[in-house]
Amino acid sequence: MTRRAVRYLVPVLGIVGVFVLWDLVIRVFDVRPSTVPPPGDVFRAIADDWGVLSQRTRTTLTEAVVGFALGSAIGFFLAVLMSRWPLVRRVLYPVLIASQAIPPPAMAAPLVIILGFGLAPKIAVIALWVFFPVVVNVLDGLGSVDRDLLNLARIMDGRRRRVFALIELPATVTPLFSALKLGAAYSVTGAVIGEALASLTPGLGNYLGIKNSQLDTDAVYAAVLLLTAIGLGGFLLMSALERLATPWRTRTTARRWWRRSSSPGPAPVSEDVAVGERGGSG
C-alpha cells in the first residue's frame, strides 16, 4: 500500500509543483497579469464563468471522445486489413501517408463543405489526427509476430480466426496502447482546430478564440487549463486500461486476491482415511 501510495503521490506532487513554480516565476520576475496571470486568477476565472465553461467543456469532451473512438476503430481496421492482404497495403499505405501531409486546418474547409457546420466535421478532424498512429503501431505489432509460431499454428490446423485471436491480436496490445495514449492527447488538439475552423457549435475552442479577441487573459488561460485537463485525463485513462490489459508488464506474479480465489483448497479427506490415520497413530 505504501509503494502504491508513493507511485500515485509523485505525479500529483509534480502537477502541484508546476503551479507553485508558475506562481513563483510571476512573483520573482514581476510578470504582468495581462501577459501571464497567476494560477489563482485562472482558477477564479474558471469558477466565475463555470456556467458557460461547463457546457463548453462537455461539448469539447464529447467531440474528443467520439472522434477518438472513431479514429481508433478505423485505424485498427485498416491495419488488420493491410496486414492480411499485402496488395491492399501497397495501395493504401502511400495514400494514408499523403493524408498526413495535409495540415488539419487545410482539411477543415473541405470538410465543412461536405459535412456542414455541425458536429460531423469536428469529429472528422479528430479522427484524422488519431487514426494514423493507430495504423502504424498496430501494423508494427502484427509484423513483429514470430513467423515460426504462426507456421506451427497453421500446421496444427489452427483456424485463421483463432490464430488471429490467440497469437496475432495479443502482439498488438502494447503498440496499440502506445498509439491510443498519443491519440488521447491529439484528440483535444483536433477538437480545438475543428471548433476554430469548422464549427458553429459552442466549445472550448470557440471560447478560447472569443476570449483571446477580447484580450481576457484569465479566461484564455482558464480554457487552456481545461483543455489540458481533458488531454491529461484521456492519457491517464488509456494508461490505466493498458495496465489492466497487460498485467505481465508490471507484475511477475498474480495479485494476492487472485491467487486466493484461483488456488485449490486442501483435498478433502475421506472418513475411512481419517479413521485409519487415527488407528495407526494409536
C-alpha atoms as a PDB file:
ATOM      1  CA  MET A   1       0.000   0.000   0.000  1.00  0.00           C
ATOM      2  CA  THR A   2       2.857   2.386   0.804  1.00  0.00           C
ATOM      3  CA  ARG A   3       4.540   1.702  -2.532  1.00  0.00           C
ATOM      4  CA  ARG A   4       1.270   2.242  -4.386  1.00  0.00           C
ATOM      5  CA  ALA A   5       0.588   5.477  -2.491  1.00  0.00           C
ATOM      6  CA  VAL A   6       4.050   6.782  -3.417  1.00  0.00           C
ATOM      7  CA  ARG A   7       3.517   5.838  -7.066  1.00  0.00           C
ATOM      8  CA  TYR A   8       0.320   7.890  -7.233  1.00  0.00           C
ATOM      9  CA  LEU A   9       1.509  10.697  -4.980  1.00  0.00           C
ATOM     10  CA  VAL A  10       4.601  11.604  -7.006  1.00  0.00           C
ATOM     11  CA  PRO A  11       2.683  12.675 -10.174  1.00  0.00           C
ATOM     12  CA  VAL A  12       0.241  14.685  -8.059  1.00  0.00           C
ATOM     13  CA  LEU A  13       3.126  16.477  -6.364  1.00  0.00           C
ATOM     14  CA  GLY A  14       4.647  17.118  -9.797  1.00  0.00           C
ATOM     15  CA  ILE A  15       1.459  18.824 -11.009  1.00  0.00           C
ATOM     16  CA  VAL A  16       1.245  20.869  -7.801  1.00  0.00           C
ATOM     17  CA  GLY A  17       4.901  21.808  -8.281  1.00  0.00           C
ATOM     18  CA  VAL A  18       4.120  23.186 -11.758  1.00  0.00           C
ATOM     19  CA  PHE A  19       1.532  25.567 -10.315  1.00  0.00           C
ATOM     20  CA  VAL A  20       3.858  26.570  -7.482  1.00  0.00           C
ATOM     21  CA  LEU A  21       6.670  27.277  -9.967  1.00  0.00           C
ATOM     22  CA  TRP A  22       4.226  29.191 -12.189  1.00  0.00           C
ATOM     23  CA  ASP A  23       3.238  31.473  -9.305  1.00  0.00           C
ATOM     24  CA  LEU A  24       6.831  31.822  -8.128  1.00  0.00           C
ATOM     25  CA  VAL A  25       8.106  32.930 -11.554  1.00  0.00           C
ATOM     26  CA  ILE A  26       5.387  35.579 -11.768  1.00  0.00           C
ATOM     27  CA  ARG A  27       6.279  36.956  -8.333  1.00  0.00           C
ATOM     28  CA  VAL A  28      10.064  36.860  -8.764  1.00  0.00           C
ATOM     29  CA  PHE A  29      10.205  38.330 -12.273  1.00  0.00           C
ATOM     30  CA  ASP A  30       7.202  40.636 -11.773  1.00  0.00           C
ATOM     31  CA  VAL A  31       5.363  39.357 -14.844  1.00  0.00           C
ATOM     32  CA  ARG A  32       2.340  41.444 -15.795  1.00  0.00           C
ATOM     33  CA  PRO A  33      -1.022  39.697 -15.231  1.00  0.00           C
ATOM     34  CA  SER A  34      -2.082  40.782 -18.710  1.00  0.00           C
ATOM     35  CA  THR A  35       0.689  38.556 -20.082  1.00  0.00           C
ATOM     36  CA  VAL A  36       0.668  35.587 -17.673  1.00  0.00           C
ATOM     37  CA  PRO A  37      -1.922  35.640 -14.881  1.00  0.00           C
ATOM     38  CA  PRO A  38      -1.247  33.922 -11.551  1.00  0.00           C
ATOM     39  CA  PRO A  39      -2.764  30.454 -11.073  1.00  0.00           C
ATOM     40  CA  GLY A  40      -5.195  31.840  -8.518  1.00  0.00           C
ATOM     41  CA  ASP A  41      -6.667  34.259 -11.059  1.00  0.00           C
ATOM     42  CA  VAL A  42      -7.047  31.434 -13.591  1.00  0.00           C
ATOM     43  CA  PHE A  43      -8.898  29.213 -11.119  1.00  0.00           C
ATOM     44  CA  ARG A  44     -11.032  32.189 -10.121  1.00  0.00           C
ATOM     45  CA  ALA A  45     -11.918  32.776 -13.786  1.00  0.00           C
ATOM     46  CA  ILE A  46     -12.989  29.135 -14.081  1.00  0.00           C
ATOM     47  CA  ALA A  47     -15.187  29.418 -11.009  1.00  0.00           C
ATOM     48  CA  ASP A  48     -16.730  32.743 -12.069  1.00  0.00           C
ATOM     49  CA  ASP A  49     -17.621  31.561 -15.590  1.00  0.00           C
ATOM     50  CA  TRP A  50     -18.279  27.909 -14.780  1.00  0.00           C
ATOM     51  CA  GLY A  51     -21.858  28.059 -16.044  1.00  0.00           C
ATOM     52  CA  VAL A  52     -20.576  28.676 -19.563  1.00  0.00           C
ATOM     53  CA  LEU A  53     -17.358  26.693 -19.256  1.00  0.00           C
ATOM     54  CA  SER A  54     -19.049  23.529 -18.008  1.00  0.00           C
ATOM     55  CA  GLN A  55     -21.318  23.350 -21.049  1.00  0.00           C
ATOM     56  CA  ARG A  56     -18.481  24.056 -23.464  1.00  0.00           C
ATOM     57  CA  THR A  57     -16.239  21.527 -21.702  1.00  0.00           C
ATOM     58  CA  ARG A  58     -18.896  18.839 -22.125  1.00  0.00           C
ATOM     59  CA  THR A  59     -19.177  19.705 -25.831  1.00  0.00           C
ATOM     60  CA  THR A  60     -15.433  19.517 -26.423  1.00  0.00           C
ATOM     61  CA  LEU A  61     -15.168  16.334 -24.352  1.00  0.00           C
ATOM     62  CA  THR A  62     -17.940  14.704 -26.384  1.00  0.00           C
ATOM     63  CA  GLU A  63     -16.226  15.631 -29.632  1.00  0.00           C
ATOM     64  CA  ALA A  64     -12.878  14.330 -28.404  1.00  0.00           C
ATOM     65  CA  VAL A  65     -14.302  11.013 -27.185  1.00  0.00           C
ATOM     66  CA  VAL A  66     -16.365  10.309 -30.316  1.00  0.00           C
ATOM     67  CA  GLY A  67     -13.576  11.360 -32.677  1.00  0.00           C
ATOM     68  CA  PHE A  68     -11.019   9.367 -30.696  1.00  0.00           C
ATOM     69  CA  ALA A  69     -13.174   6.227 -30.743  1.00  0.00           C
ATOM     70  CA  LEU A  70     -13.931   6.571 -34.453  1.00  0.00           C
ATOM     71  CA  GLY A  71     -10.311   7.249 -35.427  1.00  0.00           C
ATOM     72  CA  SER A  72      -9.035   4.361 -33.299  1.00  0.00           C
ATOM     73  CA  ALA A  73     -11.569   1.933 -34.772  1.00  0.00           C
ATOM     74  CA  ILE A  74     -10.799   2.988 -38.349  1.00  0.00           C
ATOM     75  CA  GLY A  75      -7.059   2.803 -37.721  1.00  0.00           C
ATOM     76  CA  PHE A  76      -7.262  -0.678 -36.198  1.00  0.00           C
ATOM     77  CA  PHE A  77      -9.472  -1.954 -39.035  1.00  0.00           C
ATOM     78  CA  LEU A  78      -7.148  -0.571 -41.720  1.00  0.00           C
ATOM     79  CA  ALA A  79      -4.088  -2.041 -40.001  1.00  0.00           C
ATOM     80  CA  VAL A  80      -5.632  -5.520 -39.846  1.00  0.00           C
ATOM     81  CA  LEU A  81      -6.801  -5.192 -43.441  1.00  0.00           C
ATOM     82  CA  MET A  82      -3.360  -4.202 -44.692  1.00  0.00           C
ATOM     83  CA  SER A  83      -1.642  -6.943 -42.697  1.00  0.00           C
ATOM     84  CA  ARG A  84      -3.932  -9.575 -44.230  1.00  0.00           C
ATOM     85  CA  TRP A  85      -3.582  -8.508 -47.846  1.00  0.00           C
ATOM     86  CA  PRO A  86      -0.190  -7.123 -48.953  1.00  0.00           C
ATOM     87  CA  LEU A  87      -1.730  -5.713 -52.142  1.00  0.00           C
ATOM     88  CA  VAL A  88      -4.130  -3.595 -50.069  1.00  0.00           C
ATOM     89  CA  ARG A  89      -1.189  -2.365 -48.001  1.00  0.00           C
ATOM     90  CA  ARG A  90       0.793  -1.363 -51.100  1.00  0.00           C
ATOM     91  CA  VAL A  91      -2.194   0.593 -52.368  1.00  0.00           C
ATOM     92  CA  LEU A  92      -3.439   2.193 -49.130  1.00  0.00           C
ATOM     93  CA  TYR A  93      -0.253   2.933 -47.211  1.00  0.00           C
ATOM     94  CA  PRO A  94       1.017   5.695 -49.548  1.00  0.00           C
ATOM     95  CA  VAL A  95      -2.461   7.247 -49.518  1.00  0.00           C
ATOM     96  CA  LEU A  96      -2.508   7.268 -45.705  1.00  0.00           C
ATOM     97  CA  ILE A  97       0.941   8.861 -45.567  1.00  0.00           C
ATOM     98  CA  ALA A  98      -0.161  11.510 -48.069  1.00  0.00           C
ATOM     99  CA  SER A  99      -3.214  12.260 -45.931  1.00  0.00           C
ATOM    100  CA  GLN A 100      -0.930  13.115 -43.016  1.00  0.00           C
ATOM    101  CA  ALA A 101       0.998  15.583 -45.149  1.00  0.00           C
ATOM    102  CA  ILE A 102      -2.122  17.768 -45.362  1.00  0.00           C
ATOM    103  CA  PRO A 103      -2.375  20.082 -42.329  1.00  0.00           C
ATOM    104  CA  PRO A 104      -5.662  19.569 -40.444  1.00  0.00           C
ATOM    105  CA  PRO A 105      -6.565  23.283 -40.723  1.00  0.00           C
ATOM    106  CA  ALA A 106      -6.370  22.914 -44.507  1.00  0.00           C
ATOM    107  CA  MET A 107      -8.732  19.934 -44.331  1.00  0.00           C
ATOM    108  CA  ALA A 108     -11.291  21.882 -42.314  1.00  0.00           C
ATOM    109  CA  ALA A 109     -12.672  23.888 -45.254  1.00  0.00           C
ATOM    110  CA  PRO A 110     -13.419  20.863 -47.477  1.00  0.00           C
ATOM    111  CA  LEU A 111     -14.921  19.032 -44.505  1.00  0.00           C
ATOM    112  CA  VAL A 112     -17.265  21.953 -43.835  1.00  0.00           C
ATOM    113  CA  ILE A 113     -18.359  21.935 -47.473  1.00  0.00           C
ATOM    114  CA  ILE A 114     -19.018  18.197 -47.344  1.00  0.00           C
ATOM    115  CA  LEU A 115     -20.350  17.747 -43.793  1.00  0.00           C
ATOM    116  CA  GLY A 116     -21.689  21.170 -42.816  1.00  0.00           C
ATOM    117  CA  PHE A 117     -21.080  23.159 -39.623  1.00  0.00           C
ATOM    118  CA  GLY A 118     -22.375  20.646 -37.077  1.00  0.00           C
ATOM    119  CA  LEU A 119     -20.613  18.015 -35.027  1.00  0.00           C
ATOM    120  CA  ALA A 120     -19.530  15.893 -38.018  1.00  0.00           C
ATOM    121  CA  PRO A 121     -16.604  17.997 -39.343  1.00  0.00           C
ATOM    122  CA  LYS A 122     -15.044  18.287 -35.889  1.00  0.00           C
ATOM    123  CA  ILE A 123     -15.258  14.534 -35.351  1.00  0.00           C
ATOM    124  CA  ALA A 124     -13.721  14.023 -38.798  1.00  0.00           C
ATOM    125  CA  VAL A 125     -10.789  16.325 -37.964  1.00  0.00           C
ATOM    126  CA  ILE A 126     -10.163  14.479 -34.683  1.00  0.00           C
ATOM    127  CA  ALA A 127     -10.393  11.073 -36.387  1.00  0.00           C
ATOM    128  CA  LEU A 128      -7.841  12.219 -38.984  1.00  0.00           C
ATOM    129  CA  TRP A 129      -5.422  13.095 -36.174  1.00  0.00           C
ATOM    130  CA  VAL A 130      -5.946   9.844 -34.276  1.00  0.00           C
ATOM    131  CA  PHE A 131      -6.179   7.054 -36.848  1.00  0.00           C
ATOM    132  CA  PHE A 132      -2.678   7.231 -38.376  1.00  0.00           C
ATOM    133  CA  PRO A 133      -0.677   6.447 -35.170  1.00  0.00           C
ATOM    134  CA  VAL A 134      -3.038   3.518 -34.572  1.00  0.00           C
ATOM    135  CA  VAL A 135      -2.467   2.194 -38.103  1.00  0.00           C
ATOM    136  CA  VAL A 136       1.323   2.412 -37.843  1.00  0.00           C
ATOM    137  CA  ASN A 137       1.606   0.898 -34.349  1.00  0.00           C
ATOM    138  CA  VAL A 138      -0.830  -1.957 -34.945  1.00  0.00           C
ATOM    139  CA  LEU A 139       0.902  -2.791 -38.237  1.00  0.00           C
ATOM    140  CA  ASP A 140       4.224  -2.920 -36.391  1.00  0.00           C
ATOM    141  CA  GLY A 141       2.690  -5.172 -33.753  1.00  0.00           C
ATOM    142  CA  LEU A 142       1.262  -7.565 -36.322  1.00  0.00           C
ATOM    143  CA  GLY A 143       4.551  -7.572 -38.194  1.00  0.00           C
ATOM    144  CA  SER A 144       6.514  -8.484 -35.055  1.00  0.00           C
ATOM    145  CA  VAL A 145       4.704 -11.816 -34.534  1.00  0.00           C
ATOM    146  CA  ASP A 146       7.068 -14.786 -34.673  1.00  0.00           C
ATOM    147  CA  ARG A 147       6.596 -16.404 -38.102  1.00  0.00           C
ATOM    148  CA  ASP A 148       7.652 -19.809 -36.792  1.00  0.00           C
ATOM    149  CA  LEU A 149       4.846 -19.610 -34.241  1.00  0.00           C
ATOM    150  CA  LEU A 150       2.329 -18.749 -36.959  1.00  0.00           C
ATOM    151  CA  ASN A 151       3.557 -21.584 -39.148  1.00  0.00           C
ATOM    152  CA  LEU A 152       3.310 -24.007 -36.247  1.00  0.00           C
ATOM    153  CA  ALA A 153      -0.269 -22.909 -35.570  1.00  0.00           C
ATOM    154  CA  ARG A 154      -1.182 -23.440 -39.216  1.00  0.00           C
ATOM    155  CA  ILE A 155       0.487 -26.852 -39.333  1.00  0.00           C
ATOM    156  CA  MET A 156      -1.581 -27.849 -36.299  1.00  0.00           C
ATOM    157  CA  ASP A 157      -4.666 -26.926 -38.328  1.00  0.00           C
ATOM    158  CA  GLY A 158      -5.295 -23.721 -36.428  1.00  0.00           C
ATOM    159  CA  ARG A 159      -8.198 -21.769 -37.830  1.00  0.00           C
ATOM    160  CA  ARG A 160      -7.476 -18.294 -39.091  1.00  0.00           C
ATOM    161  CA  ARG A 161      -9.718 -16.567 -36.563  1.00  0.00           C
ATOM    162  CA  ARG A 162      -8.266 -18.484 -33.625  1.00  0.00           C
ATOM    163  CA  VAL A 163      -4.711 -17.804 -34.775  1.00  0.00           C
ATOM    164  CA  PHE A 164      -5.540 -14.110 -35.000  1.00  0.00           C
ATOM    165  CA  ALA A 165      -7.295 -14.031 -31.621  1.00  0.00           C
ATOM    166  CA  LEU A 166      -4.721 -16.082 -29.681  1.00  0.00           C
ATOM    167  CA  ILE A 167      -1.415 -15.171 -31.351  1.00  0.00           C
ATOM    168  CA  GLU A 168      -1.600 -12.062 -33.522  1.00  0.00           C
ATOM    169  CA  LEU A 169      -4.017  -9.907 -31.523  1.00  0.00           C
ATOM    170  CA  PRO A 170      -2.065 -10.103 -28.226  1.00  0.00           C
ATOM    171  CA  ALA A 171       1.027  -8.900 -30.101  1.00  0.00           C
ATOM    172  CA  THR A 172      -0.783  -5.649 -30.945  1.00  0.00           C
ATOM    173  CA  VAL A 173      -1.827  -4.774 -27.390  1.00  0.00           C
ATOM    174  CA  THR A 174       1.311  -2.907 -26.317  1.00  0.00           C
ATOM    175  CA  PRO A 175       1.835  -0.889 -29.541  1.00  0.00           C
ATOM    176  CA  LEU A 176      -1.916  -0.243 -29.742  1.00  0.00           C
ATOM    177  CA  PHE A 177      -1.991   1.375 -26.310  1.00  0.00           C
ATOM    178  CA  SER A 178       1.062   3.443 -27.197  1.00  0.00           C
ATOM    179  CA  ALA A 179      -0.944   4.825 -30.119  1.00  0.00           C
ATOM    180  CA  LEU A 180      -4.076   5.280 -28.011  1.00  0.00           C
ATOM    181  CA  LYS A 181      -2.194   7.347 -25.435  1.00  0.00           C
ATOM    182  CA  LEU A 182      -0.936   9.601 -28.201  1.00  0.00           C
ATOM    183  CA  GLY A 183      -4.403   9.734 -29.740  1.00  0.00           C
ATOM    184  CA  ALA A 184      -5.942  10.799 -26.434  1.00  0.00           C
ATOM    185  CA  ALA A 185      -3.747  13.901 -26.498  1.00  0.00           C
ATOM    186  CA  TYR A 186      -4.182  14.501 -30.235  1.00  0.00           C
ATOM    187  CA  SER A 187      -7.965  14.351 -29.926  1.00  0.00           C
ATOM    188  CA  VAL A 188      -8.001  17.542 -27.838  1.00  0.00           C
ATOM    189  CA  THR A 189      -5.847  19.336 -30.413  1.00  0.00           C
ATOM    190  CA  GLY A 190      -8.139  18.155 -33.192  1.00  0.00           C
ATOM    191  CA  ALA A 191     -11.204  19.318 -31.270  1.00  0.00           C
ATOM    192  CA  VAL A 192      -9.792  22.838 -30.844  1.00  0.00           C
ATOM    193  CA  ILE A 193      -8.844  23.072 -34.524  1.00  0.00           C
ATOM    194  CA  GLY A 194     -12.237  21.746 -35.588  1.00  0.00           C
ATOM    195  CA  GLU A 195     -14.106  24.206 -33.376  1.00  0.00           C
ATOM    196  CA  ALA A 196     -11.996  27.129 -34.518  1.00  0.00           C
ATOM    197  CA  LEU A 197     -12.285  26.429 -38.247  1.00  0.00           C
ATOM    198  CA  ALA A 198     -15.158  24.074 -38.946  1.00  0.00           C
ATOM    199  CA  SER A 199     -17.944  24.607 -36.447  1.00  0.00           C
ATOM    200  CA  LEU A 200     -20.607  26.927 -35.146  1.00  0.00           C
ATOM    201  CA  THR A 201     -21.419  24.832 -32.066  1.00  0.00           C
ATOM    202  CA  PRO A 202     -20.000  26.195 -28.781  1.00  0.00           C
ATOM    203  CA  GLY A 203     -16.936  24.514 -27.335  1.00  0.00           C
ATOM    204  CA  LEU A 204     -13.715  25.381 -25.557  1.00  0.00           C
ATOM    205  CA  GLY A 205     -12.058  26.129 -28.900  1.00  0.00           C
ATOM    206  CA  ASN A 206     -14.697  28.766 -29.711  1.00  0.00           C
ATOM    207  CA  TYR A 207     -14.485  30.108 -26.167  1.00  0.00           C
ATOM    208  CA  LEU A 208     -10.701  30.375 -26.467  1.00  0.00           C
ATOM    209  CA  GLY A 209     -10.957  32.365 -29.692  1.00  0.00           C
ATOM    210  CA  ILE A 210     -13.604  34.727 -28.319  1.00  0.00           C
ATOM    211  CA  LYS A 211     -11.720  35.474 -25.112  1.00  0.00           C
ATOM    212  CA  ASN A 212      -8.471  35.912 -26.992  1.00  0.00           C
ATOM    213  CA  SER A 213     -10.062  38.536 -29.239  1.00  0.00           C
ATOM    214  CA  GLN A 214     -11.351  40.293 -26.090  1.00  0.00           C
ATOM    215  CA  LEU A 215      -7.842  40.197 -24.504  1.00  0.00           C
ATOM    216  CA  ASP A 216      -9.297  38.390 -21.482  1.00  0.00           C
ATOM    217  CA  THR A 217      -6.077  36.706 -20.404  1.00  0.00           C
ATOM    218  CA  ASP A 218      -7.541  34.982 -17.342  1.00  0.00           C
ATOM    219  CA  ALA A 219     -10.277  33.331 -19.408  1.00  0.00           C
ATOM    220  CA  VAL A 220      -7.795  32.297 -22.127  1.00  0.00           C
ATOM    221  CA  TYR A 221      -5.605  30.520 -19.605  1.00  0.00           C
ATOM    222  CA  ALA A 222      -8.697  29.010 -17.985  1.00  0.00           C
ATOM    223  CA  ALA A 223      -9.729  27.443 -21.306  1.00  0.00           C
ATOM    224  CA  VAL A 224      -6.187  26.184 -21.910  1.00  0.00           C
ATOM    225  CA  LEU A 225      -6.132  24.655 -18.423  1.00  0.00           C
ATOM    226  CA  LEU A 226      -9.405  22.810 -19.023  1.00  0.00           C
ATOM    227  CA  LEU A 227      -8.194  21.542 -22.395  1.00  0.00           C
ATOM    228  CA  THR A 228      -5.017  20.314 -20.715  1.00  0.00           C
ATOM    229  CA  ALA A 229      -7.089  18.519 -18.087  1.00  0.00           C
ATOM    230  CA  ILE A 230      -9.120  16.745 -20.808  1.00  0.00           C
ATOM    231  CA  GLY A 231      -5.988  15.602 -22.632  1.00  0.00           C
ATOM    232  CA  LEU A 232      -4.273  14.518 -19.430  1.00  0.00           C
ATOM    233  CA  GLY A 233      -7.380  12.665 -18.275  1.00  0.00           C
ATOM    234  CA  GLY A 234      -7.581  10.769 -21.555  1.00  0.00           C
ATOM    235  CA  PHE A 235      -3.905   9.836 -21.367  1.00  0.00           C
ATOM    236  CA  LEU A 236      -4.261   8.582 -17.783  1.00  0.00           C
ATOM    237  CA  LEU A 237      -7.364   6.579 -18.687  1.00  0.00           C
ATOM    238  CA  MET A 238      -5.525   4.845 -21.543  1.00  0.00           C
ATOM    239  CA  SER A 239      -2.586   4.168 -19.208  1.00  0.00           C
ATOM    240  CA  ALA A 240      -4.917   2.568 -16.649  1.00  0.00           C
ATOM    241  CA  LEU A 241      -6.556   0.415 -19.324  1.00  0.00           C
ATOM    242  CA  GLU A 242      -3.094  -0.608 -20.524  1.00  0.00           C
ATOM    243  CA  ARG A 243      -2.178  -1.783 -17.031  1.00  0.00           C
ATOM    244  CA  LEU A 244      -5.348  -3.882 -16.911  1.00  0.00           C
ATOM    245  CA  ALA A 245      -4.807  -5.332 -20.382  1.00  0.00           C
ATOM    246  CA  THR A 246      -1.078  -6.066 -19.909  1.00  0.00           C
ATOM    247  CA  PRO A 247      -0.598  -7.084 -16.248  1.00  0.00           C
ATOM    248  CA  TRP A 248       2.553  -9.045 -17.131  1.00  0.00           C
ATOM    249  CA  ARG A 249       4.413  -5.792 -17.813  1.00  0.00           C
ATOM    250  CA  THR A 250       4.209  -4.614 -14.211  1.00  0.00           C
ATOM    251  CA  ARG A 251       3.857  -7.836 -12.192  1.00  0.00           C
ATOM    252  CA  THR A 252       5.551 -11.204 -12.370  1.00  0.00           C
ATOM    253  CA  THR A 253       3.041 -12.898 -10.076  1.00  0.00           C
ATOM    254  CA  ALA A 254      -0.722 -12.867  -9.803  1.00  0.00           C
ATOM    255  CA  ARG A 255      -2.300 -10.493  -7.331  1.00  0.00           C
ATOM    256  CA  ARG A 256      -2.882 -11.874  -3.867  1.00  0.00           C
ATOM    257  CA  TRP A 257      -6.681 -11.826  -4.101  1.00  0.00           C
ATOM    258  CA  TRP A 258      -6.475 -13.675  -7.448  1.00  0.00           C
ATOM    259  CA  ARG A 259      -4.148 -16.323  -6.013  1.00  0.00           C
ATOM    260  CA  ARG A 260      -6.534 -16.921  -3.108  1.00  0.00           C
ATOM    261  CA  SER A 261      -9.564 -17.217  -5.379  1.00  0.00           C
ATOM    262  CA  SER A 262      -7.888 -19.405  -8.000  1.00  0.00           C
ATOM    263  CA  SER A 263      -5.741 -21.697  -5.836  1.00  0.00           C
ATOM    264  CA  PRO A 264      -7.386 -25.028  -4.989  1.00  0.00           C
ATOM    265  CA  GLY A 265      -8.091 -25.726  -1.357  1.00  0.00           C
ATOM    266  CA  PRO A 266      -6.805 -28.757   0.569  1.00  0.00           C
ATOM    267  CA  ALA A 267      -8.078 -32.050  -0.774  1.00  0.00           C
ATOM    268  CA  PRO A 268     -10.992 -33.421   1.256  1.00  0.00           C
ATOM    269  CA  VAL A 269     -10.068 -36.351   3.474  1.00  0.00           C
ATOM    270  CA  SER A 270     -12.481 -39.226   3.448  1.00  0.00           C
ATOM    271  CA  GLU A 271     -13.846 -40.663   6.673  1.00  0.00           C
ATOM    272  CA  ASP A 272     -12.124 -44.054   6.179  1.00  0.00           C
ATOM    273  CA  VAL A 273      -8.740 -42.430   5.704  1.00  0.00           C
ATOM    274  CA  ALA A 274      -9.245 -40.270   8.774  1.00  0.00           C
ATOM    275  CA  VAL A 275     -10.200 -43.321  10.894  1.00  0.00           C
ATOM    276  CA  GLY A 276      -7.214 -45.296   9.617  1.00  0.00           C
ATOM    277  CA  GLU A 277      -4.853 -42.485  10.482  1.00  0.00           C
ATOM    278  CA  ARG A 278      -6.273 -42.277  13.999  1.00  0.00           C
ATOM    279  CA  GLY A 279      -5.971 -46.036  14.425  1.00  0.00           C
ATOM    280  CA  GLY A 280      -2.391 -46.105  13.177  1.00  0.00           C
ATOM    281  CA  SER A 281      -1.358 -43.323  15.462  1.00  0.00           C
ATOM    282  CA  GLY A 282      -2.817 -45.146  18.438  1.00  0.00           C
END
